[in-house]
Amino acid sequence: MAKRNDSPLIKAKKDLWKIFSMFIRMRDCFAATGTLDNGFCCTCGRPKTYKTLQAGHFIPGREDSILFEPTCVHAQCYRCNVKRSGEWVKYYRFMERKYGLARIDYLMRLSEQKREIDIKWITSTALYYLHKIDELREAYARGQQGAKATAKA
């Protein structure tokens, strides 16, 4: 079977997904544990390592309008995200606690809109999330330095 050649747009989108997924998992690990290596699944609450977490969508589907919307994507374990199809009811409750009903309604409306993304948008969005990843790493490093200083005192 011949290997499928992806278009430049599809390849760029896949590359952006890798960066965005990294950001989501790092963001949620840092928020939950103060580290970049460990976090929790947003739906079952089980502790997981960064590497075993996935970036799971609140609203299923891979629509461009919400694919890279950070308030619609959170760290989930493989079991909840894939085996249990996102654990939608638990995810809904998580979203309600974290953001409230107005944000959920906004995301649902957004998911119904058509959005065309191009290479220029993908490139600028990738740069934005790479910058956000650097900010998380810097915040973590500052926290580590503060912890070392406190331990010495």
N, C-alpha and C. Protein backbone atom coordinates (compact mmCIF):
# COMPACT_ATOMS: atom_id res chain seq x y z
N MET A 1 0.85 -1.18 0.00
CA MET A 1 0.00 0.00 0.00
C MET A 1 0.89 1.24 0.00
N ALA A 2 0.60 2.17 -0.86
CA ALA A 2 1.40 3.39 -0.97
C ALA A 2 1.15 4.31 0.21
N LYS A 3 2.20 5.03 0.58
CA LYS A 3 2.09 5.98 1.67
C LYS A 3 1.35 7.22 1.17
N ARG A 4 0.42 7.69 2.00
CA ARG A 4 -0.36 8.87 1.64
C ARG A 4 0.49 10.12 1.82
N ASN A 5 0.50 10.97 0.83
CA ASN A 5 1.21 12.24 0.94
C ASN A 5 0.23 13.31 1.38
N ASP A 6 0.48 13.86 2.55
CA ASP A 6 -0.40 14.91 3.05
C ASP A 6 -0.09 16.23 2.36
N SER A 7 -1.13 17.01 2.18
CA SER A 7 -0.95 18.34 1.62
C SER A 7 -0.18 19.20 2.63
N PRO A 8 0.42 20.29 2.19
CA PRO A 8 1.12 21.18 3.14
C PRO A 8 0.20 21.67 4.26
N LEU A 9 -1.07 21.91 3.94
CA LEU A 9 -2.02 22.37 4.96
C LEU A 9 -2.27 21.28 6.01
N ILE A 10 -2.47 20.06 5.57
CA ILE A 10 -2.72 18.96 6.51
C ILE A 10 -1.48 18.71 7.37
N LYS A 11 -0.29 18.75 6.76
CA LYS A 11 0.94 18.56 7.52
C LYS A 11 1.10 19.67 8.56
N ALA A 12 0.86 20.90 8.15
CA ALA A 12 0.98 22.03 9.09
C ALA A 12 -0.01 21.91 10.24
N LYS A 13 -1.21 21.46 9.93
CA LYS A 13 -2.24 21.27 10.95
C LYS A 13 -1.84 20.18 11.95
N LYS A 14 -1.26 19.09 11.45
CA LYS A 14 -0.77 18.02 12.33
C LYS A 14 0.36 18.52 13.22
N ASP A 15 1.26 19.31 12.63
CA ASP A 15 2.36 19.88 13.42
C ASP A 15 1.83 20.82 14.50
N LEU A 16 0.85 21.64 14.15
CA LEU A 16 0.25 22.53 15.13
C LEU A 16 -0.43 21.72 16.22
N TRP A 17 -1.11 20.63 15.86
CA TRP A 17 -1.76 19.81 16.88
C TRP A 17 -0.75 19.30 17.91
N LYS A 18 0.43 18.87 17.47
CA LYS A 18 1.46 18.39 18.39
C LYS A 18 1.85 19.49 19.38
N ILE A 19 2.02 20.70 18.89
CA ILE A 19 2.40 21.84 19.74
C ILE A 19 1.25 22.18 20.68
N PHE A 20 0.04 22.27 20.14
CA PHE A 20 -1.13 22.62 20.95
C PHE A 20 -1.38 21.57 22.03
N SER A 21 -1.28 20.30 21.68
CA SER A 21 -1.47 19.22 22.65
C SER A 21 -0.43 19.32 23.77
N MET A 22 0.80 19.62 23.40
CA MET A 22 1.85 19.79 24.40
C MET A 22 1.49 20.93 25.36
N PHE A 23 1.05 22.05 24.79
CA PHE A 23 0.66 23.19 25.62
C PHE A 23 -0.48 22.82 26.57
N ILE A 24 -1.52 22.18 26.06
CA ILE A 24 -2.68 21.83 26.90
C ILE A 24 -2.24 20.96 28.06
N ARG A 25 -1.49 19.92 27.78
CA ARG A 25 -1.07 19.00 28.84
C ARG A 25 -0.14 19.68 29.84
N MET A 26 0.79 20.50 29.35
CA MET A 26 1.68 21.23 30.26
C MET A 26 0.90 22.24 31.10
N ARG A 27 -0.02 22.95 30.46
CA ARG A 27 -0.84 23.94 31.18
C ARG A 27 -1.60 23.28 32.32
N ASP A 28 -2.24 22.16 32.02
CA ASP A 28 -3.07 21.50 33.03
C ASP A 28 -2.24 20.82 34.10
N CYS A 29 -1.09 20.27 33.74
CA CYS A 29 -0.19 19.70 34.75
C CYS A 29 0.30 20.79 35.69
N PHE A 30 0.75 21.90 35.13
CA PHE A 30 1.29 22.99 35.95
C PHE A 30 0.20 23.56 36.86
N ALA A 31 -0.99 23.74 36.34
CA ALA A 31 -2.09 24.28 37.15
C ALA A 31 -2.47 23.34 38.29
N ALA A 32 -2.39 22.04 38.04
CA ALA A 32 -2.85 21.06 39.04
C ALA A 32 -1.78 20.71 40.06
N THR A 33 -0.51 20.63 39.62
CA THR A 33 0.53 20.11 40.50
C THR A 33 1.73 21.03 40.67
N GLY A 34 1.79 22.09 39.87
CA GLY A 34 2.96 22.96 39.93
C GLY A 34 4.17 22.36 39.23
N THR A 35 3.98 21.22 38.55
CA THR A 35 5.06 20.61 37.77
C THR A 35 4.61 20.52 36.32
N LEU A 36 5.57 20.20 35.46
CA LEU A 36 5.24 20.00 34.05
C LEU A 36 5.18 18.52 33.71
N ASP A 37 5.41 17.67 34.71
CA ASP A 37 5.51 16.24 34.48
C ASP A 37 4.31 15.43 34.94
N ASN A 38 3.51 15.97 35.84
CA ASN A 38 2.41 15.21 36.43
C ASN A 38 1.15 16.05 36.51
N GLY A 39 0.03 15.40 36.25
CA GLY A 39 -1.25 16.09 36.32
C GLY A 39 -2.36 15.12 36.62
N PHE A 40 -3.57 15.53 36.28
CA PHE A 40 -4.75 14.73 36.54
C PHE A 40 -5.65 14.75 35.32
N CYS A 41 -6.36 13.68 35.10
CA CYS A 41 -7.39 13.63 34.06
C CYS A 41 -8.55 14.52 34.51
N CYS A 42 -9.02 15.36 33.62
CA CYS A 42 -10.09 16.30 33.99
C CYS A 42 -11.42 15.59 34.22
N THR A 43 -11.58 14.36 33.73
CA THR A 43 -12.86 13.69 33.88
C THR A 43 -12.89 12.65 34.98
N CYS A 44 -11.83 11.86 35.14
CA CYS A 44 -11.83 10.84 36.20
C CYS A 44 -11.02 11.26 37.41
N GLY A 45 -10.16 12.28 37.24
CA GLY A 45 -9.37 12.78 38.35
C GLY A 45 -8.15 11.94 38.71
N ARG A 46 -7.91 10.89 37.95
CA ARG A 46 -6.76 10.04 38.26
C ARG A 46 -5.45 10.77 37.95
N PRO A 47 -4.44 10.60 38.83
CA PRO A 47 -3.13 11.19 38.54
C PRO A 47 -2.47 10.47 37.37
N LYS A 48 -1.88 11.24 36.50
CA LYS A 48 -1.20 10.69 35.32
C LYS A 48 0.04 11.52 35.03
N THR A 49 0.98 10.92 34.32
CA THR A 49 2.15 11.67 33.88
C THR A 49 1.78 12.48 32.64
N TYR A 50 2.55 13.51 32.40
CA TYR A 50 2.37 14.35 31.22
C TYR A 50 2.31 13.48 29.96
N LYS A 51 3.23 12.53 29.87
CA LYS A 51 3.33 11.70 28.66
C LYS A 51 2.13 10.80 28.46
N THR A 52 1.43 10.43 29.52
CA THR A 52 0.28 9.54 29.36
C THR A 52 -1.04 10.31 29.25
N LEU A 53 -0.99 11.61 29.47
CA LEU A 53 -2.20 12.42 29.28
C LEU A 53 -2.37 12.76 27.80
N GLN A 54 -3.59 12.98 27.41
CA GLN A 54 -3.92 13.42 26.06
C GLN A 54 -4.65 14.75 26.15
N ALA A 55 -4.70 15.45 25.05
CA ALA A 55 -5.48 16.68 24.96
C ALA A 55 -6.86 16.30 24.43
N GLY A 56 -7.84 16.22 25.35
CA GLY A 56 -9.17 15.76 24.99
C GLY A 56 -10.14 16.91 24.79
N HIS A 57 -10.94 16.81 23.75
CA HIS A 57 -11.92 17.86 23.43
C HIS A 57 -13.22 17.68 24.20
N PHE A 58 -13.73 18.77 24.73
CA PHE A 58 -15.03 18.78 25.39
C PHE A 58 -16.13 18.46 24.38
N ILE A 59 -16.06 19.10 23.23
CA ILE A 59 -17.05 18.87 22.17
C ILE A 59 -16.39 17.95 21.15
N PRO A 60 -16.97 16.77 20.93
CA PRO A 60 -16.34 15.82 20.02
C PRO A 60 -16.32 16.32 18.58
N GLY A 61 -15.44 15.74 17.81
CA GLY A 61 -15.29 16.13 16.42
C GLY A 61 -14.04 16.96 16.25
N ARG A 62 -13.62 17.08 15.06
CA ARG A 62 -12.37 17.81 14.79
C ARG A 62 -12.68 19.03 13.92
N GLU A 63 -13.71 19.75 14.30
CA GLU A 63 -14.09 20.96 13.55
C GLU A 63 -13.03 22.04 13.73
N ASP A 64 -12.66 22.70 12.64
CA ASP A 64 -11.63 23.74 12.73
C ASP A 64 -12.01 24.87 13.68
N SER A 65 -13.29 25.12 13.83
CA SER A 65 -13.73 26.23 14.68
C SER A 65 -13.38 26.03 16.15
N ILE A 66 -13.26 24.79 16.61
CA ILE A 66 -12.94 24.53 18.02
C ILE A 66 -11.71 23.64 18.21
N LEU A 67 -11.11 23.19 17.14
CA LEU A 67 -9.99 22.25 17.24
C LEU A 67 -8.87 22.79 18.12
N PHE A 68 -8.57 24.08 17.99
CA PHE A 68 -7.46 24.68 18.73
C PHE A 68 -7.95 25.72 19.74
N GLU A 69 -9.16 25.55 20.22
CA GLU A 69 -9.73 26.45 21.23
C GLU A 69 -9.33 25.92 22.61
N PRO A 70 -8.45 26.62 23.34
CA PRO A 70 -7.89 26.06 24.59
C PRO A 70 -8.90 25.85 25.71
N THR A 71 -10.00 26.59 25.72
CA THR A 71 -10.98 26.35 26.78
C THR A 71 -11.89 25.16 26.46
N CYS A 72 -11.70 24.58 25.29
CA CYS A 72 -12.49 23.42 24.87
C CYS A 72 -11.67 22.13 24.94
N VAL A 73 -10.40 22.25 25.36
CA VAL A 73 -9.49 21.11 25.36
C VAL A 73 -8.75 21.06 26.69
N HIS A 74 -8.73 19.87 27.30
CA HIS A 74 -8.08 19.69 28.60
C HIS A 74 -7.40 18.33 28.68
N ALA A 75 -6.54 18.19 29.67
CA ALA A 75 -5.81 16.94 29.86
C ALA A 75 -6.78 15.83 30.26
N GLN A 76 -6.72 14.75 29.50
CA GLN A 76 -7.53 13.57 29.79
C GLN A 76 -6.65 12.33 29.65
N CYS A 77 -6.97 11.31 30.43
CA CYS A 77 -6.27 10.04 30.28
C CYS A 77 -6.81 9.32 29.04
N TYR A 78 -6.03 8.38 28.55
CA TYR A 78 -6.42 7.60 27.38
C TYR A 78 -7.76 6.89 27.62
N ARG A 79 -7.91 6.35 28.80
CA ARG A 79 -9.13 5.60 29.13
C ARG A 79 -10.38 6.47 28.96
N CYS A 80 -10.35 7.68 29.52
CA CYS A 80 -11.52 8.56 29.41
C CYS A 80 -11.67 9.12 28.00
N ASN A 81 -10.58 9.56 27.40
CA ASN A 81 -10.64 10.21 26.10
C ASN A 81 -10.99 9.26 24.97
N VAL A 82 -10.40 8.07 24.97
CA VAL A 82 -10.59 7.16 23.85
C VAL A 82 -11.54 6.01 24.20
N LYS A 83 -11.19 5.26 25.20
CA LYS A 83 -11.99 4.07 25.54
C LYS A 83 -13.41 4.42 25.97
N ARG A 84 -13.57 5.57 26.62
CA ARG A 84 -14.90 5.96 27.10
C ARG A 84 -15.46 7.17 26.33
N SER A 85 -14.95 7.37 25.15
CA SER A 85 -15.46 8.40 24.22
C SER A 85 -15.54 9.79 24.82
N GLY A 86 -14.57 10.13 25.65
CA GLY A 86 -14.50 11.48 26.20
C GLY A 86 -15.19 11.66 27.54
N GLU A 87 -15.93 10.64 27.99
CA GLU A 87 -16.66 10.76 29.28
C GLU A 87 -17.45 12.08 29.30
N TRP A 88 -18.32 12.24 28.31
CA TRP A 88 -18.97 13.53 28.08
C TRP A 88 -19.69 14.08 29.30
N VAL A 89 -20.42 13.28 30.04
CA VAL A 89 -21.17 13.78 31.20
C VAL A 89 -20.20 14.33 32.25
N LYS A 90 -19.15 13.57 32.54
CA LYS A 90 -18.16 14.04 33.51
C LYS A 90 -17.42 15.27 33.00
N TYR A 91 -17.13 15.30 31.70
CA TYR A 91 -16.47 16.46 31.11
C TYR A 91 -17.38 17.68 31.23
N TYR A 92 -18.65 17.49 30.97
CA TYR A 92 -19.60 18.60 31.09
C TYR A 92 -19.59 19.17 32.52
N ARG A 93 -19.61 18.31 33.51
CA ARG A 93 -19.59 18.77 34.90
C ARG A 93 -18.29 19.51 35.21
N PHE A 94 -17.17 19.00 34.69
CA PHE A 94 -15.89 19.69 34.85
C PHE A 94 -15.95 21.09 34.24
N MET A 95 -16.46 21.17 33.03
CA MET A 95 -16.55 22.46 32.33
C MET A 95 -17.47 23.43 33.07
N GLU A 96 -18.57 22.92 33.58
CA GLU A 96 -19.52 23.75 34.32
C GLU A 96 -18.85 24.34 35.57
N ARG A 97 -18.09 23.51 36.28
CA ARG A 97 -17.37 24.01 37.48
C ARG A 97 -16.29 25.01 37.09
N LYS A 98 -15.55 24.71 36.07
CA LYS A 98 -14.38 25.53 35.70
C LYS A 98 -14.78 26.84 35.02
N TYR A 99 -15.74 26.79 34.11
CA TYR A 99 -16.05 27.95 33.27
C TYR A 99 -17.46 28.50 33.42
N GLY A 100 -18.41 27.67 33.83
CA GLY A 100 -19.79 28.11 33.90
C GLY A 100 -20.56 27.84 32.62
N LEU A 101 -21.88 27.97 32.72
CA LEU A 101 -22.77 27.64 31.60
C LEU A 101 -22.62 28.58 30.42
N ALA A 102 -22.30 29.85 30.68
CA ALA A 102 -22.17 30.80 29.57
C ALA A 102 -21.04 30.39 28.63
N ARG A 103 -19.93 29.92 29.18
CA ARG A 103 -18.80 29.50 28.33
C ARG A 103 -19.14 28.22 27.57
N ILE A 104 -19.82 27.31 28.23
CA ILE A 104 -20.24 26.07 27.56
C ILE A 104 -21.14 26.42 26.38
N ASP A 105 -22.09 27.31 26.59
CA ASP A 105 -23.00 27.73 25.52
C ASP A 105 -22.21 28.37 24.37
N TYR A 106 -21.26 29.23 24.71
CA TYR A 106 -20.42 29.87 23.69
C TYR A 106 -19.67 28.82 22.86
N LEU A 107 -19.06 27.83 23.53
CA LEU A 107 -18.31 26.80 22.82
C LEU A 107 -19.22 25.97 21.92
N MET A 108 -20.43 25.71 22.37
CA MET A 108 -21.37 24.96 21.54
C MET A 108 -21.75 25.76 20.29
N ARG A 109 -21.98 27.04 20.47
CA ARG A 109 -22.29 27.89 19.30
C ARG A 109 -21.08 27.95 18.36
N LEU A 110 -19.90 28.10 18.94
CA LEU A 110 -18.67 28.17 18.15
C LEU A 110 -18.46 26.90 17.34
N SER A 111 -18.79 25.76 17.92
CA SER A 111 -18.59 24.47 17.23
C SER A 111 -19.48 24.34 16.00
N GLU A 112 -20.55 25.10 15.94
CA GLU A 112 -21.47 25.03 14.80
C GLU A 112 -21.10 25.99 13.68
N GLN A 113 -20.10 26.83 13.94
CA GLN A 113 -19.68 27.79 12.92
C GLN A 113 -18.62 27.17 12.02
N LYS A 114 -18.61 27.61 10.78
CA LYS A 114 -17.61 27.16 9.82
C LYS A 114 -16.40 28.07 9.93
N ARG A 115 -15.23 27.48 9.93
CA ARG A 115 -14.01 28.27 9.98
C ARG A 115 -13.00 27.64 9.04
N GLU A 116 -12.46 28.43 8.18
CA GLU A 116 -11.41 27.98 7.28
C GLU A 116 -10.08 28.46 7.85
N ILE A 117 -9.17 27.52 8.04
CA ILE A 117 -7.85 27.93 8.50
C ILE A 117 -6.85 27.73 7.38
N ASP A 118 -5.84 28.59 7.35
CA ASP A 118 -4.84 28.52 6.30
C ASP A 118 -3.44 28.41 6.92
N ILE A 119 -2.45 28.25 6.09
CA ILE A 119 -1.08 28.07 6.55
C ILE A 119 -0.62 29.28 7.38
N LYS A 120 -0.99 30.47 6.97
CA LYS A 120 -0.58 31.67 7.71
C LYS A 120 -1.14 31.62 9.15
N TRP A 121 -2.42 31.30 9.28
CA TRP A 121 -3.03 31.21 10.61
C TRP A 121 -2.37 30.10 11.43
N ILE A 122 -2.14 28.97 10.81
CA ILE A 122 -1.51 27.84 11.51
C ILE A 122 -0.12 28.23 12.00
N THR A 123 0.66 28.88 11.16
CA THR A 123 2.02 29.29 11.53
C THR A 123 2.01 30.26 12.70
N SER A 124 1.15 31.28 12.64
CA SER A 124 1.11 32.26 13.74
C SER A 124 0.58 31.62 15.02
N THR A 125 -0.36 30.70 14.90
CA THR A 125 -0.91 30.02 16.08
C THR A 125 0.15 29.10 16.69
N ALA A 126 0.91 28.42 15.86
CA ALA A 126 2.00 27.56 16.36
C ALA A 126 3.02 28.40 17.12
N LEU A 127 3.39 29.54 16.58
CA LEU A 127 4.34 30.42 17.27
C LEU A 127 3.77 30.90 18.60
N TYR A 128 2.49 31.22 18.63
CA TYR A 128 1.84 31.67 19.86
C TYR A 128 1.93 30.58 20.94
N TYR A 129 1.60 29.33 20.58
CA TYR A 129 1.62 28.26 21.57
C TYR A 129 3.03 27.85 21.96
N LEU A 130 3.99 27.97 21.05
CA LEU A 130 5.39 27.74 21.43
C LEU A 130 5.83 28.77 22.47
N HIS A 131 5.39 30.00 22.29
CA HIS A 131 5.68 31.05 23.27
C HIS A 131 5.02 30.74 24.62
N LYS A 132 3.78 30.28 24.59
CA LYS A 132 3.07 29.91 25.83
C LYS A 132 3.78 28.74 26.53
N ILE A 133 4.30 27.80 25.77
CA ILE A 133 5.05 26.68 26.34
C ILE A 133 6.32 27.20 27.02
N ASP A 134 7.02 28.13 26.36
CA ASP A 134 8.21 28.73 26.97
C ASP A 134 7.85 29.44 28.27
N GLU A 135 6.71 30.15 28.28
CA GLU A 135 6.27 30.83 29.50
C GLU A 135 6.01 29.83 30.64
N LEU A 136 5.40 28.70 30.32
CA LEU A 136 5.16 27.67 31.34
C LEU A 136 6.48 27.12 31.87
N ARG A 137 7.42 26.87 30.98
CA ARG A 137 8.73 26.37 31.42
C ARG A 137 9.44 27.38 32.31
N GLU A 138 9.35 28.65 31.95
CA GLU A 138 9.97 29.70 32.77
C GLU A 138 9.29 29.80 34.13
N ALA A 139 7.98 29.73 34.16
CA ALA A 139 7.25 29.79 35.44
C ALA A 139 7.63 28.60 36.31
N TYR A 140 7.75 27.44 35.71
CA TYR A 140 8.16 26.25 36.46
C TYR A 140 9.57 26.43 37.01
N ALA A 141 10.48 26.93 36.18
CA ALA A 141 11.87 27.14 36.61
C ALA A 141 11.93 28.15 37.77
N ARG A 142 11.14 29.21 37.68
CA ARG A 142 11.10 30.20 38.77
C ARG A 142 10.60 29.55 40.06
N GLY A 143 9.60 28.71 39.93
CA GLY A 143 9.07 28.00 41.10
C GLY A 143 10.10 27.07 41.70
N GLN A 144 10.87 26.40 40.85
CA GLN A 144 11.92 25.50 41.34
C GLN A 144 13.01 26.29 42.05
N GLN A 145 13.39 27.44 41.53
CA GLN A 145 14.42 28.26 42.16
C GLN A 145 13.92 28.78 43.51
N GLY A 146 12.65 29.17 43.57
CA GLY A 146 12.06 29.64 44.82
C GLY A 146 12.03 28.53 45.86
N ALA A 147 11.72 27.33 45.43
CA ALA A 147 11.67 26.19 46.35
C ALA A 147 13.06 25.87 46.90
N LYS A 148 14.09 25.99 46.05
CA LYS A 148 15.46 25.73 46.49
C LYS A 148 15.90 26.78 47.50
N ALA A 149 15.54 28.05 47.24
CA ALA A 149 15.90 29.12 48.15
C ALA A 149 15.21 28.95 49.50
N THR A 150 13.95 28.54 49.47
CA THR A 150 13.20 28.32 50.71
C THR A 150 13.79 27.15 51.49
N ALA A 151 14.22 26.12 50.82
CA ALA A 151 14.78 24.95 51.47
C ALA A 151 16.11 25.28 52.15
N LYS A 152 16.88 26.21 51.56
CA LYS A 152 18.16 26.60 52.13
C LYS A 152 17.97 27.49 53.36
N ALA A 153 16.87 28.21 53.42
CA ALA A 153 16.66 29.18 54.50
C ALA A 153 16.36 28.55 55.82
